[in-house]
Amino acid sequence: LKSLILYWQFYGQDEFCRYNMFNHHFFDDEEAVMFFQGFLREEGGATVVMVTDPPFGGLVKPLANSFSQMSITWKNQNKAAMPMIWIFPYFFESRILEYFPSFSMLDYQVDYKNHPLYKHGKTGRKQSPIRLFTNLSPKDIILPEDEGYRFCSVCERYVSAGNKHCPKCDTCPSKKKETVSINQGY
C-alpha cells in the first residue's frame, strides 16, 4: 500500500508531503502542492482512494472543507468524484452527510490495537463506535463474514450479521449491532 501522508520521517520530499487536514495547508509550500497533484495523476488516478482517520475530537466542518478541496483538485484532473473513506464515530453521521450527501456509513466497526477503548478483546469496549463513511458503492465493499458481517440481498450491501432487514424502513437500520425498526421509535 503506497501512502502519501504517512511515515514522513522515512521519506524525502519526492515521496512525501506534510499536510494539515484541518486547514488544508501543505507545509512545504508549492513544491508539496505540486507533488500532491502529481500523486493524484499517477496511473491516471486509477489506484487512488483517499483514506482518512482524523482525530475524533476534530471538528467535522474544517475536515470536510479540506477533504472537499482535495476532491476538487482530484475532479479537475480526473473528471470524476474522488473515491474517499473517512473513518470516524457513527454519531457524526448527520454532520458528515451534511457536507458529503453522497456518502454512506458502512456497518464495519473499526478497532485500534493501540487505543484502550476502541480495541478488540477483553480490555476494550464491547463494540466500537468507529465506522467507515464512503462515497464508494457499499455493495462493492466486502466486509469479513468471520468478523460478524453478512450480505443483505435486499439492501445490496454487507451489514452486521445481527441486523434484520426492516421492510418498513427498507434497510438494515442498526448503528450499534441491534436492530430497531420505525415502530420501536428508531
Protein backbone atom coordinates (compact mmCIF):
# COMPACT_ATOMS: atom_id res chain seq x y z
CA LEU A 1 0.00 0.00 0.00
CA LYS A 2 1.56 3.26 -1.10
CA SER A 3 0.75 6.16 1.18
CA LEU A 4 1.33 9.84 0.60
CA ILE A 5 0.99 11.24 4.09
CA LEU A 6 2.41 8.52 6.34
CA TYR A 7 5.98 7.93 7.52
CA TRP A 8 7.35 11.39 6.80
CA GLN A 9 10.47 10.69 8.85
CA PHE A 10 11.40 7.89 6.41
CA TYR A 11 10.76 9.57 3.07
CA GLY A 12 12.13 12.58 1.23
CA GLN A 13 10.16 15.38 -0.42
CA ASP A 14 9.98 13.44 -3.67
CA GLU A 15 7.93 10.71 -1.92
CA PHE A 16 6.08 12.53 0.84
CA CYS A 17 4.47 15.85 1.79
CA ARG A 18 3.38 17.13 5.17
CA TYR A 19 -0.24 18.32 5.32
CA ASN A 20 -2.58 19.80 7.95
CA MET A 21 -6.03 18.34 7.30
CA PHE A 22 -7.78 20.93 9.50
CA ASN A 23 -6.88 23.92 7.33
CA HIS A 24 -5.83 22.34 4.01
CA HIS A 25 -2.24 23.53 4.38
CA PHE A 26 0.78 21.91 2.76
CA PHE A 27 3.87 22.67 4.87
CA ASP A 28 6.46 22.60 2.12
CA ASP A 29 4.70 25.26 0.07
CA GLU A 30 4.34 25.00 -3.70
CA GLU A 31 6.67 22.01 -4.03
CA ALA A 32 4.40 19.92 -1.78
CA VAL A 33 1.26 21.04 -3.62
CA MET A 34 2.84 20.06 -6.93
CA PHE A 35 3.86 16.68 -5.51
CA PHE A 36 0.32 16.10 -4.23
CA GLN A 37 -1.16 16.94 -7.63
CA GLY A 38 1.33 14.61 -9.29
CA PHE A 39 0.40 11.84 -6.86
CA LEU A 40 -3.24 12.20 -7.89
CA ARG A 41 -2.27 11.88 -11.57
CA GLU A 42 -0.24 8.67 -11.13
CA GLU A 43 -1.58 5.88 -13.33
CA GLY A 44 -4.40 8.19 -14.38
CA GLY A 45 -5.62 8.23 -10.79
CA ALA A 46 -6.93 4.68 -11.16
CA THR A 47 -5.35 3.45 -7.94
CA VAL A 48 -6.09 6.39 -5.64
CA VAL A 49 -8.54 6.19 -2.75
CA MET A 50 -8.31 8.82 -0.02
CA VAL A 51 -8.47 7.06 3.35
CA THR A 52 -8.51 9.40 6.32
CA ASP A 53 -8.57 8.63 10.04
CA PRO A 54 -8.54 12.05 11.73
CA PRO A 55 -8.59 12.66 15.49
CA PHE A 56 -12.15 12.19 16.77
CA GLY A 57 -12.03 15.47 18.66
CA GLY A 58 -11.60 17.37 15.42
CA LEU A 59 -14.49 19.40 14.07
CA VAL A 60 -16.26 17.95 11.05
CA LYS A 61 -16.60 21.28 9.21
CA PRO A 62 -12.87 22.08 8.77
CA LEU A 63 -12.13 18.45 7.91
CA ALA A 64 -14.94 18.40 5.34
CA ASN A 65 -13.63 21.65 3.87
CA SER A 66 -10.13 20.21 3.45
CA PHE A 67 -11.42 16.94 2.00
CA SER A 68 -13.64 18.91 -0.39
CA GLN A 69 -10.62 20.95 -1.55
CA MET A 70 -8.68 17.73 -2.19
CA SER A 71 -11.68 16.31 -4.02
CA ILE A 72 -11.93 19.41 -6.22
CA THR A 73 -8.25 19.04 -7.14
CA TRP A 74 -8.91 15.40 -7.99
CA LYS A 75 -12.05 16.17 -10.00
CA ASN A 76 -10.26 18.86 -12.03
CA GLN A 77 -7.71 16.25 -13.09
CA ASN A 78 -9.88 13.14 -13.37
CA LYS A 79 -13.38 14.42 -14.20
CA ALA A 80 -14.95 12.18 -11.54
CA ALA A 81 -15.55 12.15 -7.80
CA MET A 82 -12.51 11.21 -5.74
CA PRO A 83 -13.01 7.85 -4.00
CA MET A 84 -12.93 8.51 -0.24
CA ILE A 85 -13.16 6.56 3.01
CA TRP A 86 -13.48 8.64 6.18
CA ILE A 87 -13.00 6.76 9.47
CA PHE A 88 -15.00 8.46 12.23
CA PRO A 89 -17.54 7.74 15.02
CA TYR A 90 -21.06 6.86 13.84
CA PHE A 91 -22.63 9.62 15.92
CA PHE A 92 -21.12 12.16 13.49
CA GLU A 93 -23.08 10.65 10.60
CA SER A 94 -25.51 13.57 10.21
CA ARG A 95 -22.65 16.10 10.21
CA ILE A 96 -20.65 14.16 7.64
CA LEU A 97 -23.71 13.73 5.41
CA GLU A 98 -24.38 17.46 5.70
CA TYR A 99 -21.12 18.09 3.82
CA PHE A 100 -20.96 14.87 1.78
CA PRO A 101 -24.54 13.79 0.99
CA SER A 102 -23.29 11.10 -1.41
CA PHE A 103 -21.54 9.27 1.46
CA SER A 104 -22.96 6.26 3.22
CA MET A 105 -21.95 4.73 6.51
CA LEU A 106 -20.86 1.10 6.48
CA ASP A 107 -21.59 -1.24 9.38
CA TYR A 108 -17.93 -2.18 9.76
CA GLN A 109 -16.69 -1.49 13.30
CA VAL A 110 -13.12 -0.21 13.32
CA ASP A 111 -10.90 -1.38 16.17
CA TYR A 112 -7.48 0.02 17.09
CA LYS A 113 -4.74 -2.12 18.60
CA ASN A 114 -3.19 0.85 20.41
CA HIS A 115 -6.37 2.51 21.75
CA PRO A 116 -7.64 1.49 25.21
CA LEU A 117 -11.34 1.94 24.38
CA TYR A 118 -11.52 1.01 20.72
CA LYS A 119 -9.55 -2.22 20.59
CA HIS A 120 -10.95 -5.68 20.18
CA GLY A 121 -10.76 -8.02 23.14
CA LYS A 122 -11.19 -8.08 26.91
CA THR A 123 -9.81 -4.63 27.68
CA GLY A 124 -11.66 -2.64 25.02
CA ARG A 125 -15.32 -1.74 24.64
CA LYS A 126 -17.76 -4.42 23.61
CA GLN A 127 -18.48 -2.55 20.39
CA SER A 128 -16.54 0.21 18.72
CA PRO A 129 -18.48 3.33 17.63
CA ILE A 130 -15.98 3.91 14.80
CA ARG A 131 -17.31 3.39 11.27
CA LEU A 132 -16.34 3.86 7.65
CA PHE A 133 -18.04 6.66 5.70
CA THR A 134 -17.56 6.47 1.96
CA ASN A 135 -18.70 7.60 -1.45
CA LEU A 136 -17.81 4.17 -2.85
CA SER A 137 -20.74 1.87 -3.57
CA PRO A 138 -21.50 -0.12 -0.37
CA LYS A 139 -22.28 -3.23 -2.42
CA ASP A 140 -18.68 -3.21 -3.68
CA ILE A 141 -17.15 -3.23 -0.20
CA ILE A 142 -16.96 -6.76 1.13
CA LEU A 143 -16.97 -6.97 4.93
CA PRO A 144 -15.47 -10.09 6.57
CA GLU A 145 -18.05 -12.74 7.41
CA ASP A 146 -15.72 -14.24 10.04
CA GLU A 147 -15.93 -10.91 11.92
CA GLY A 148 -19.74 -10.93 12.05
CA TYR A 149 -20.93 -9.45 8.76
CA ARG A 150 -23.27 -10.83 6.11
CA PHE A 151 -24.57 -9.70 2.75
CA CYS A 152 -28.18 -8.38 2.74
CA SER A 153 -29.56 -9.10 -0.72
CA VAL A 154 -32.35 -6.55 -0.25
CA CYS A 155 -30.03 -3.69 0.79
CA GLU A 156 -27.35 -4.97 -1.61
CA ARG A 157 -24.57 -4.41 0.90
CA TYR A 158 -22.76 -6.05 3.77
CA VAL A 159 -24.32 -5.46 7.18
CA SER A 160 -23.75 -6.61 10.72
CA ALA A 161 -24.84 -10.27 10.99
CA GLY A 162 -27.28 -9.42 13.81
CA ASN A 163 -29.17 -6.90 11.69
CA LYS A 164 -32.52 -7.95 10.35
CA HIS A 165 -33.90 -6.18 7.30
CA CYS A 166 -36.85 -3.93 8.21
CA PRO A 167 -39.45 -3.80 5.42
CA LYS A 168 -40.90 -0.53 6.77
CA CYS A 169 -37.52 1.23 6.82
CA ASP A 170 -36.35 -0.71 3.74
CA THR A 171 -32.94 -1.00 5.35
CA CYS A 172 -30.95 -2.89 7.96
CA PRO A 173 -31.14 0.01 10.43
CA SER A 174 -28.58 -0.78 13.13
CA LYS A 175 -25.77 1.51 14.19
CA LYS A 176 -24.85 -0.48 17.29
CA LYS A 177 -25.50 -4.08 16.14
CA GLU A 178 -29.07 -4.01 17.44
CA THR A 179 -32.00 -3.77 15.06
CA VAL A 180 -34.69 -1.23 15.92
CA SER A 181 -37.50 -0.53 13.49
CA ILE A 182 -39.55 2.61 12.92
CA ASN A 183 -42.37 1.23 15.07
CA GLN A 184 -40.00 0.98 18.01
CA GLY A 185 -39.05 4.66 17.85
CA TYR A 186 -35.83 4.39 15.88
